[in-house]
């Protein structure tokens, strides 16, 4: 049974920090972002652990309903990192 934490993504079978896979393309990566759009479409960003483009991990965006959990929180994240105030 999954527990709801600050890392929980509403309406999704995955949490922030999980290793997940897009069920259509097979792309696999860590869940690094969740975006809730005004139109009602939620998306999840997956960041690859192995693929790289120009020395950086590959990031892809998928609809929240087509992403499946592969492994729960493989990095052991307990909470969101503290946010830094923007200099103004």
PDB file of N, CA and C in Angstrom:
ATOM      1  N   UNK A   1       0.838  -1.180   0.000  1.00  0.00           N
ATOM      2  CA  UNK A   1       0.000   0.000   0.000  1.00  0.00           C
ATOM      3  C   UNK A   1       0.884   1.245   0.000  1.00  0.00           C
ATOM      4  N   UNK A   2       0.556   2.203  -0.840  1.00  0.00           N
ATOM      5  CA  UNK A   2       1.346   3.421  -0.955  1.00  0.00           C
ATOM      6  C   UNK A   2       0.847   4.463   0.038  1.00  0.00           C
ATOM      7  N   UNK A   3       1.773   5.133   0.676  1.00  0.00           N
ATOM      8  CA  UNK A   3       1.393   6.191   1.597  1.00  0.00           C
ATOM      9  C   UNK A   3       1.541   7.538   0.908  1.00  0.00           C
ATOM     10  N   UNK A   4       0.696   8.476   1.280  1.00  0.00           N
ATOM     11  CA  UNK A   4       0.771   9.812   0.705  1.00  0.00           C
ATOM     12  C   UNK A   4       1.716  10.661   1.539  1.00  0.00           C
ATOM     13  N   UNK A   5       2.715  11.227   0.879  1.00  0.00           N
ATOM     14  CA  UNK A   5       3.688  12.083   1.534  1.00  0.00           C
ATOM     15  C   UNK A   5       3.800  13.357   0.720  1.00  0.00           C
ATOM     16  N   UNK A   6       4.723  14.223   1.082  1.00  0.00           N
ATOM     17  CA  UNK A   6       4.986  15.413   0.287  1.00  0.00           C
ATOM     18  C   UNK A   6       5.475  15.030  -1.105  1.00  0.00           C
ATOM     19  N   UNK A   7       5.949  13.814  -1.262  1.00  0.00           N
ATOM     20  CA  UNK A   7       6.472  13.359  -2.542  1.00  0.00           C
ATOM     21  C   UNK A   7       5.392  12.747  -3.429  1.00  0.00           C
ATOM     22  N   UNK A   8       4.163  12.616  -2.923  1.00  0.00           N
ATOM     23  CA  UNK A   8       3.059  12.004  -3.657  1.00  0.00           C
ATOM     24  C   UNK A   8       2.582  12.905  -4.796  1.00  0.00           C
ATOM     25  N   UNK A   9       2.299  12.312  -5.957  1.00  0.00           N
ATOM     26  CA  UNK A   9       1.741  13.034  -7.097  1.00  0.00           C
ATOM     27  C   UNK A   9       0.278  12.626  -7.214  1.00  0.00           C
ATOM     28  N   UNK A  10      -0.652  13.547  -6.986  1.00  0.00           N
ATOM     29  CA  UNK A  10      -2.083  13.209  -7.048  1.00  0.00           C
ATOM     30  C   UNK A  10      -2.474  12.605  -8.398  1.00  0.00           C
ATOM     31  N   UNK A  11      -3.248  11.526  -8.366  1.00  0.00           N
ATOM     32  CA  UNK A  11      -3.732  10.886  -9.577  1.00  0.00           C
ATOM     33  C   UNK A  11      -2.704  10.045 -10.298  1.00  0.00           C
ATOM     34  N   UNK A  12      -1.584   9.766  -9.647  1.00  0.00           N
ATOM     35  CA  UNK A  12      -0.506   9.025 -10.288  1.00  0.00           C
ATOM     36  C   UNK A  12      -0.095   7.818  -9.452  1.00  0.00           C
ATOM     37  N   UNK A  13       0.345   6.753 -10.117  1.00  0.00           N
ATOM     38  CA  UNK A  13       0.850   5.596  -9.378  1.00  0.00           C
ATOM     39  C   UNK A  13       2.300   5.764  -8.919  1.00  0.00           C
ATOM     40  N   UNK A  14       2.914   6.925  -9.191  1.00  0.00           N
ATOM     41  CA  UNK A  14       4.306   7.148  -8.806  1.00  0.00           C
ATOM     42  C   UNK A  14       4.425   8.363  -7.890  1.00  0.00           C
ATOM     43  N   UNK A  15       5.543   8.427  -7.182  1.00  0.00           N
ATOM     44  CA  UNK A  15       5.878   9.561  -6.324  1.00  0.00           C
ATOM     45  C   UNK A  15       7.136  10.233  -6.866  1.00  0.00           C
ATOM     46  N   UNK A  16       7.385  11.466  -6.445  1.00  0.00           N
ATOM     47  CA  UNK A  16       8.633  12.134  -6.795  1.00  0.00           C
ATOM     48  C   UNK A  16       9.788  11.267  -6.298  1.00  0.00           C
ATOM     49  N   UNK A  17      10.830  11.119  -7.105  1.00  0.00           N
ATOM     50  CA  UNK A  17      11.994  10.338  -6.722  1.00  0.00           C
ATOM     51  C   UNK A  17      11.926   8.872  -7.085  1.00  0.00           C
ATOM     52  N   UNK A  18      10.752   8.382  -7.531  1.00  0.00           N
ATOM     53  CA  UNK A  18      10.643   6.981  -7.941  1.00  0.00           C
ATOM     54  C   UNK A  18      11.337   6.765  -9.275  1.00  0.00           C
ATOM     55  N   UNK A  19      11.756   5.540  -9.510  1.00  0.00           N
ATOM     56  CA  UNK A  19      12.211   5.136 -10.827  1.00  0.00           C
ATOM     57  C   UNK A  19      10.949   4.697 -11.561  1.00  0.00           C
ATOM     58  N   UNK A  20      10.689   5.299 -12.721  1.00  0.00           N
ATOM     59  CA  UNK A  20       9.447   5.034 -13.438  1.00  0.00           C
ATOM     60  C   UNK A  20       9.718   4.814 -14.914  1.00  0.00           C
ATOM     61  N   UNK A  21       8.686   4.295 -15.596  1.00  0.00           N
ATOM     62  CA  UNK A  21       8.825   3.962 -17.006  1.00  0.00           C
ATOM     63  C   UNK A  21       7.557   4.384 -17.740  1.00  0.00           C
ATOM     64  N   UNK A  22       7.748   4.999 -18.910  1.00  0.00           N
ATOM     65  CA  UNK A  22       6.615   5.335 -19.761  1.00  0.00           C
ATOM     66  C   UNK A  22       6.157   4.049 -20.429  1.00  0.00           C
ATOM     67  N   UNK A  23       4.868   3.721 -20.287  1.00  0.00           N
ATOM     68  CA  UNK A  23       4.396   2.441 -20.804  1.00  0.00           C
ATOM     69  C   UNK A  23       4.278   2.416 -22.330  1.00  0.00           C
ATOM     70  N   UNK A  24       4.327   3.565 -22.993  1.00  0.00           N
ATOM     71  CA  UNK A  24       4.229   3.594 -24.450  1.00  0.00           C
ATOM     72  C   UNK A  24       5.608   3.520 -25.107  1.00  0.00           C
ATOM     73  N   UNK A  25       6.536   4.386 -24.685  1.00  0.00           N
ATOM     74  CA  UNK A  25       7.855   4.443 -25.323  1.00  0.00           C
ATOM     75  C   UNK A  25       8.887   3.543 -24.655  1.00  0.00           C
ATOM     76  N   UNK A  26       8.659   3.190 -23.389  1.00  0.00           N
ATOM     77  CA  UNK A  26       9.629   2.384 -22.648  1.00  0.00           C
ATOM     78  C   UNK A  26      10.725   3.221 -22.009  1.00  0.00           C
ATOM     79  N   UNK A  27      10.683   4.556 -22.187  1.00  0.00           N
ATOM     80  CA  UNK A  27      11.696   5.425 -21.579  1.00  0.00           C
ATOM     81  C   UNK A  27      11.621   5.291 -20.069  1.00  0.00           C
ATOM     82  N   UNK A  28      12.783   5.142 -19.429  1.00  0.00           N
ATOM     83  CA  UNK A  28      12.849   4.929 -17.980  1.00  0.00           C
ATOM     84  C   UNK A  28      13.742   5.981 -17.337  1.00  0.00           C
ATOM     85  N   UNK A  29      13.318   6.482 -16.174  1.00  0.00           N
ATOM     86  CA  UNK A  29      14.128   7.454 -15.459  1.00  0.00           C
ATOM     87  C   UNK A  29      13.523   7.802 -14.115  1.00  0.00           C
ATOM     88  N   UNK A  30      14.208   8.680 -13.401  1.00  0.00           N
ATOM     89  CA  UNK A  30      13.718   9.141 -12.101  1.00  0.00           C
ATOM     90  C   UNK A  30      12.656  10.208 -12.296  1.00  0.00           C
ATOM     91  N   UNK A  31      11.618  10.180 -11.465  1.00  0.00           N
ATOM     92  CA  UNK A  31      10.575  11.203 -11.507  1.00  0.00           C
ATOM     93  C   UNK A  31      11.155  12.449 -10.838  1.00  0.00           C
ATOM     94  N   UNK A  32      11.410  13.495 -11.636  1.00  0.00           N
ATOM     95  CA  UNK A  32      12.065  14.699 -11.119  1.00  0.00           C
ATOM     96  C   UNK A  32      11.161  15.912 -11.083  1.00  0.00           C
ATOM     97  N   UNK A  33       9.997  15.855 -11.749  1.00  0.00           N
ATOM     98  CA  UNK A  33       9.091  17.001 -11.732  1.00  0.00           C
ATOM     99  C   UNK A  33       7.671  16.554 -12.026  1.00  0.00           C
ATOM    100  N   UNK A  34       6.738  17.315 -11.483  1.00  0.00           N
ATOM    101  CA  UNK A  34       5.312  17.123 -11.756  1.00  0.00           C
ATOM    102  C   UNK A  34       4.746  18.496 -12.082  1.00  0.00           C
ATOM    103  N   UNK A  35       4.052  18.597 -13.212  1.00  0.00           N
ATOM    104  CA  UNK A  35       3.484  19.878 -13.627  1.00  0.00           C
ATOM    105  C   UNK A  35       1.984  19.722 -13.772  1.00  0.00           C
ATOM    106  N   UNK A  36       1.239  20.588 -13.088  1.00  0.00           N
ATOM    107  CA  UNK A  36      -0.225  20.611 -13.197  1.00  0.00           C
ATOM    108  C   UNK A  36      -0.597  21.787 -14.092  1.00  0.00           C
ATOM    109  N   UNK A  37      -1.149  21.488 -15.262  1.00  0.00           N
ATOM    110  CA  UNK A  37      -1.498  22.503 -16.245  1.00  0.00           C
ATOM    111  C   UNK A  37      -2.911  23.035 -16.010  1.00  0.00           C
ATOM    112  N   UNK A  38      -3.156  24.265 -16.392  1.00  0.00           N
ATOM    113  CA  UNK A  38      -4.476  24.871 -16.248  1.00  0.00           C
ATOM    114  C   UNK A  38      -5.542  24.109 -17.032  1.00  0.00           C
ATOM    115  N   UNK A  39      -5.137  23.442 -18.091  1.00  0.00           N
ATOM    116  CA  UNK A  39      -6.076  22.698 -18.929  1.00  0.00           C
ATOM    117  C   UNK A  39      -6.511  21.377 -18.287  1.00  0.00           C
ATOM    118  N   UNK A  40      -5.888  21.014 -17.171  1.00  0.00           N
ATOM    119  CA  UNK A  40      -6.244  19.782 -16.474  1.00  0.00           C
ATOM    120  C   UNK A  40      -5.346  18.610 -16.805  1.00  0.00           C
ATOM    121  N   UNK A  41      -4.425  18.791 -17.719  1.00  0.00           N
ATOM    122  CA  UNK A  41      -3.492  17.722 -18.084  1.00  0.00           C
ATOM    123  C   UNK A  41      -2.266  17.796 -17.174  1.00  0.00           C
ATOM    124  N   UNK A  42      -2.008  16.741 -16.415  1.00  0.00           N
ATOM    125  CA  UNK A  42      -0.827  16.693 -15.564  1.00  0.00           C
ATOM    126  C   UNK A  42       0.276  15.937 -16.288  1.00  0.00           C
ATOM    127  N   UNK A  43       1.511  16.427 -16.149  1.00  0.00           N
ATOM    128  CA  UNK A  43       2.649  15.753 -16.772  1.00  0.00           C
ATOM    129  C   UNK A  43       3.717  15.452 -15.729  1.00  0.00           C
ATOM    130  N   UNK A  44       4.499  14.425 -16.028  1.00  0.00           N
ATOM    131  CA  UNK A  44       5.602  14.001 -15.165  1.00  0.00           C
ATOM    132  C   UNK A  44       6.881  14.031 -15.991  1.00  0.00           C
ATOM    133  N   UNK A  45       7.940  14.585 -15.414  1.00  0.00           N
ATOM    134  CA  UNK A  45       9.254  14.616 -16.058  1.00  0.00           C
ATOM    135  C   UNK A  45      10.062  13.434 -15.555  1.00  0.00           C
ATOM    136  N   UNK A  46      10.606  12.669 -16.492  1.00  0.00           N
ATOM    137  CA  UNK A  46      11.510  11.584 -16.160  1.00  0.00           C
ATOM    138  C   UNK A  46      12.911  11.974 -16.608  1.00  0.00           C
ATOM    139  N   UNK A  47      13.892  11.785 -15.731  1.00  0.00           N
ATOM    140  CA  UNK A  47      15.289  12.072 -16.043  1.00  0.00           C
ATOM    141  C   UNK A  47      16.041  10.753 -16.078  1.00  0.00           C
ATOM    142  N   UNK A  48      16.656  10.447 -17.227  1.00  0.00           N
ATOM    143  CA  UNK A  48      17.325   9.156 -17.411  1.00  0.00           C
ATOM    144  C   UNK A  48      18.505   9.003 -16.455  1.00  0.00           C
ATOM    145  N   UNK A  49      18.769   7.771 -16.088  1.00  0.00           N
ATOM    146  CA  UNK A  49      19.928   7.475 -15.249  1.00  0.00           C
ATOM    147  C   UNK A  49      21.117   7.059 -16.105  1.00  0.00           C
ATOM    148  N   UNK A  50      20.869   6.640 -17.348  1.00  0.00           N
ATOM    149  CA  UNK A  50      21.944   6.113 -18.166  1.00  0.00           C
ATOM    150  C   UNK A  50      22.188   6.901 -19.451  1.00  0.00           C
ATOM    151  N   UNK A  51      21.130   7.324 -20.130  1.00  0.00           N
ATOM    152  CA  UNK A  51      21.302   8.049 -21.393  1.00  0.00           C
ATOM    153  C   UNK A  51      21.813   9.460 -21.131  1.00  0.00           C
ATOM    154  N   UNK A  52      22.655   9.934 -22.026  1.00  0.00           N
ATOM    155  CA  UNK A  52      23.152  11.302 -21.910  1.00  0.00           C
ATOM    156  C   UNK A  52      23.161  11.956 -23.279  1.00  0.00           C
ATOM    157  N   UNK A  53      22.929  13.253 -23.281  1.00  0.00           N
ATOM    158  CA  UNK A  53      23.001  14.056 -24.499  1.00  0.00           C
ATOM    159  C   UNK A  53      23.862  15.266 -24.182  1.00  0.00           C
ATOM    160  N   UNK A  54      24.974  15.390 -24.867  1.00  0.00           N
ATOM    161  CA  UNK A  54      25.918  16.483 -24.641  1.00  0.00           C
ATOM    162  C   UNK A  54      26.353  16.562 -23.166  1.00  0.00           C
ATOM    163  N   UNK A  55      26.581  15.394 -22.570  1.00  0.00           N
ATOM    164  CA  UNK A  55      27.079  15.333 -21.204  1.00  0.00           C
ATOM    165  C   UNK A  55      26.037  15.534 -20.110  1.00  0.00           C
ATOM    166  N   UNK A  56      24.772  15.648 -20.482  1.00  0.00           N
ATOM    167  CA  UNK A  56      23.694  15.846 -19.498  1.00  0.00           C
ATOM    168  C   UNK A  56      22.681  14.710 -19.606  1.00  0.00           C
ATOM    169  N   UNK A  57      22.035  14.347 -18.495  1.00  0.00           N
ATOM    170  CA  UNK A  57      20.995  13.316 -18.560  1.00  0.00           C
ATOM    171  C   UNK A  57      19.846  13.770 -19.469  1.00  0.00           C
ATOM    172  N   UNK A  58      19.212  12.810 -20.108  1.00  0.00           N
ATOM    173  CA  UNK A  58      18.072  13.099 -20.974  1.00  0.00           C
ATOM    174  C   UNK A  58      16.823  13.241 -20.119  1.00  0.00           C
ATOM    175  N   UNK A  59      16.038  14.306 -20.362  1.00  0.00           N
ATOM    176  CA  UNK A  59      14.765  14.517 -19.658  1.00  0.00           C
ATOM    177  C   UNK A  59      13.642  14.458 -20.680  1.00  0.00           C
ATOM    178  N   UNK A  60      12.564  13.756 -20.314  1.00  0.00           N
ATOM    179  CA  UNK A  60      11.399  13.677 -21.192  1.00  0.00           C
ATOM    180  C   UNK A  60      10.147  13.869 -20.352  1.00  0.00           C
ATOM    181  N   UNK A  61       9.109  14.384 -20.996  1.00  0.00           N
ATOM    182  CA  UNK A  61       7.847  14.689 -20.324  1.00  0.00           C
ATOM    183  C   UNK A  61       6.764  13.736 -20.816  1.00  0.00           C
ATOM    184  N   UNK A  62       5.985  13.198 -19.858  1.00  0.00           N
ATOM    185  CA  UNK A  62       4.934  12.241 -20.198  1.00  0.00           C
ATOM    186  C   UNK A  62       3.648  12.580 -19.448  1.00  0.00           C
ATOM    187  N   UNK A  63       2.532  12.157 -20.007  1.00  0.00           N
ATOM    188  CA  UNK A  63       1.248  12.302 -19.342  1.00  0.00           C
ATOM    189  C   UNK A  63       1.259  11.459 -18.069  1.00  0.00           C
ATOM    190  N   UNK A  64       0.686  11.997 -17.008  1.00  0.00           N
ATOM    191  CA  UNK A  64       0.719  11.341 -15.700  1.00  0.00           C
ATOM    192  C   UNK A  64       0.093   9.939 -15.732  1.00  0.00           C
ATOM    193  N   UNK A  65      -0.855   9.707 -16.635  1.00  0.00           N
ATOM    194  CA  UNK A  65      -1.556   8.429 -16.669  1.00  0.00           C
ATOM    195  C   UNK A  65      -0.804   7.318 -17.403  1.00  0.00           C
ATOM    196  N   UNK A  66       0.275   7.647 -18.113  1.00  0.00           N
ATOM    197  CA  UNK A  66       0.981   6.605 -18.852  1.00  0.00           C
ATOM    198  C   UNK A  66       2.328   6.231 -18.243  1.00  0.00           C
ATOM    199  N   UNK A  67       2.589   6.684 -17.001  1.00  0.00           N
ATOM    200  CA  UNK A  67       3.861   6.389 -16.331  1.00  0.00           C
ATOM    201  C   UNK A  67       3.634   5.362 -15.220  1.00  0.00           C
ATOM    202  N   UNK A  68       4.444   4.313 -15.235  1.00  0.00           N
ATOM    203  CA  UNK A  68       4.333   3.240 -14.249  1.00  0.00           C
ATOM    204  C   UNK A  68       5.565   3.185 -13.365  1.00  0.00           C
ATOM    205  N   UNK A  69       5.380   2.803 -12.110  1.00  0.00           N
ATOM    206  CA  UNK A  69       6.495   2.702 -11.175  1.00  0.00           C
ATOM    207  C   UNK A  69       7.317   1.447 -11.460  1.00  0.00           C
ATOM    208  N   UNK A  70       8.644   1.610 -11.492  1.00  0.00           N
ATOM    209  CA  UNK A  70       9.567   0.491 -11.638  1.00  0.00           C
ATOM    210  C   UNK A  70      10.160   0.154 -10.272  1.00  0.00           C
ATOM    211  N   UNK A  71      10.586   1.194  -9.538  1.00  0.00           N
ATOM    212  CA  UNK A  71      11.170   1.022  -8.206  1.00  0.00           C
ATOM    213  C   UNK A  71      10.788   2.217  -7.345  1.00  0.00           C
ATOM    214  N   UNK A  72      10.411   1.949  -6.116  1.00  0.00           N
ATOM    215  CA  UNK A  72      10.012   3.007  -5.204  1.00  0.00           C
ATOM    216  C   UNK A  72      11.223   3.675  -4.571  1.00  0.00           C
ATOM    217  N   UNK A  73      11.386   4.966  -4.829  1.00  0.00           N
ATOM    218  CA  UNK A  73      12.379   5.817  -4.178  1.00  0.00           C
ATOM    219  C   UNK A  73      13.778   5.188  -4.076  1.00  0.00           C
ATOM    220  N   UNK A  74      14.410   4.850  -5.212  1.00  0.00           N
ATOM    221  CA  UNK A  74      15.718   4.206  -5.152  1.00  0.00           C
ATOM    222  C   UNK A  74      16.829   5.057  -4.544  1.00  0.00           C
ATOM    223  N   UNK A  75      16.648   6.371  -4.487  1.00  0.00           N
ATOM    224  CA  UNK A  75      17.671   7.253  -3.918  1.00  0.00           C
ATOM    225  C   UNK A  75      17.446   7.531  -2.438  1.00  0.00           C
ATOM    226  N   UNK A  76      16.339   7.039  -1.867  1.00  0.00           N
ATOM    227  CA  UNK A  76      16.070   7.218  -0.447  1.00  0.00           C
ATOM    228  C   UNK A  76      15.707   8.641  -0.057  1.00  0.00           C
ATOM    229  N   UNK A  77      15.004   9.365  -0.932  1.00  0.00           N
ATOM    230  CA  UNK A  77      14.612  10.748  -0.647  1.00  0.00           C
ATOM    231  C   UNK A  77      13.515  10.749   0.416  1.00  0.00           C
ATOM    232  N   UNK A  78      13.717  11.546   1.463  1.00  0.00           N
ATOM    233  CA  UNK A  78      12.750  11.595   2.559  1.00  0.00           C
ATOM    234  C   UNK A  78      11.815  12.798   2.465  1.00  0.00           C
ATOM    235  N   UNK A  79      12.267  13.866   1.857  1.00  0.00           N
ATOM    236  CA  UNK A  79      11.452  15.077   1.726  1.00  0.00           C
ATOM    237  C   UNK A  79      12.026  15.943   0.615  1.00  0.00           C
ATOM    238  N   UNK A  80      11.251  16.929   0.212  1.00  0.00           N
ATOM    239  CA  UNK A  80      11.726  17.852  -0.810  1.00  0.00           C
ATOM    240  C   UNK A  80      12.934  18.634  -0.282  1.00  0.00           C
ATOM    241  N   UNK A  81      13.878  18.963  -1.163  1.00  0.00           N
ATOM    242  CA  UNK A  81      14.991  19.831  -0.739  1.00  0.00           C
ATOM    243  C   UNK A  81      14.443  21.193  -0.342  1.00  0.00           C
ATOM    244  N   UNK A  82      15.152  21.861   0.550  1.00  0.00           N
ATOM    245  CA  UNK A  82      14.720  23.200   0.956  1.00  0.00           C
ATOM    246  C   UNK A  82      14.809  24.142  -0.234  1.00  0.00           C
ATOM    247  N   UNK A  83      13.820  25.036  -0.329  1.00  0.00           N
ATOM    248  CA  UNK A  83      13.821  25.994  -1.424  1.00  0.00           C
ATOM    249  C   UNK A  83      14.654  27.217  -1.024  1.00  0.00           C
ATOM    250  N   UNK A  84      15.357  27.738  -1.992  1.00  0.00           N
ATOM    251  CA  UNK A  84      16.194  28.915  -1.762  1.00  0.00           C
ATOM    252  C   UNK A  84      15.417  30.132  -2.237  1.00  0.00           C
ATOM    253  N   UNK A  85      15.358  31.153  -1.397  1.00  0.00           N
ATOM    254  CA  UNK A  85      14.680  32.384  -1.749  1.00  0.00           C
ATOM    255  C   UNK A  85      15.412  33.073  -2.904  1.00  0.00           C
ATOM    256  N   UNK A  86      14.648  33.561  -3.870  1.00  0.00           N
ATOM    257  CA  UNK A  86      15.247  34.279  -4.991  1.00  0.00           C
ATOM    258  C   UNK A  86      15.724  35.647  -4.540  1.00  0.00           C
ATOM    259  N   UNK A  87      16.914  36.026  -5.002  1.00  0.00           N
ATOM    260  CA  UNK A  87      17.447  37.353  -4.659  1.00  0.00           C
ATOM    261  C   UNK A  87      16.624  38.397  -5.393  1.00  0.00           C
ATOM    262  N   UNK A  88      16.253  39.443  -4.701  1.00  0.00           N
ATOM    263  CA  UNK A  88      15.391  40.415  -5.357  1.00  0.00           C
ATOM    264  C   UNK A  88      15.809  41.752  -5.095  1.00  0.00           C
TER     265      UNK A  88
END
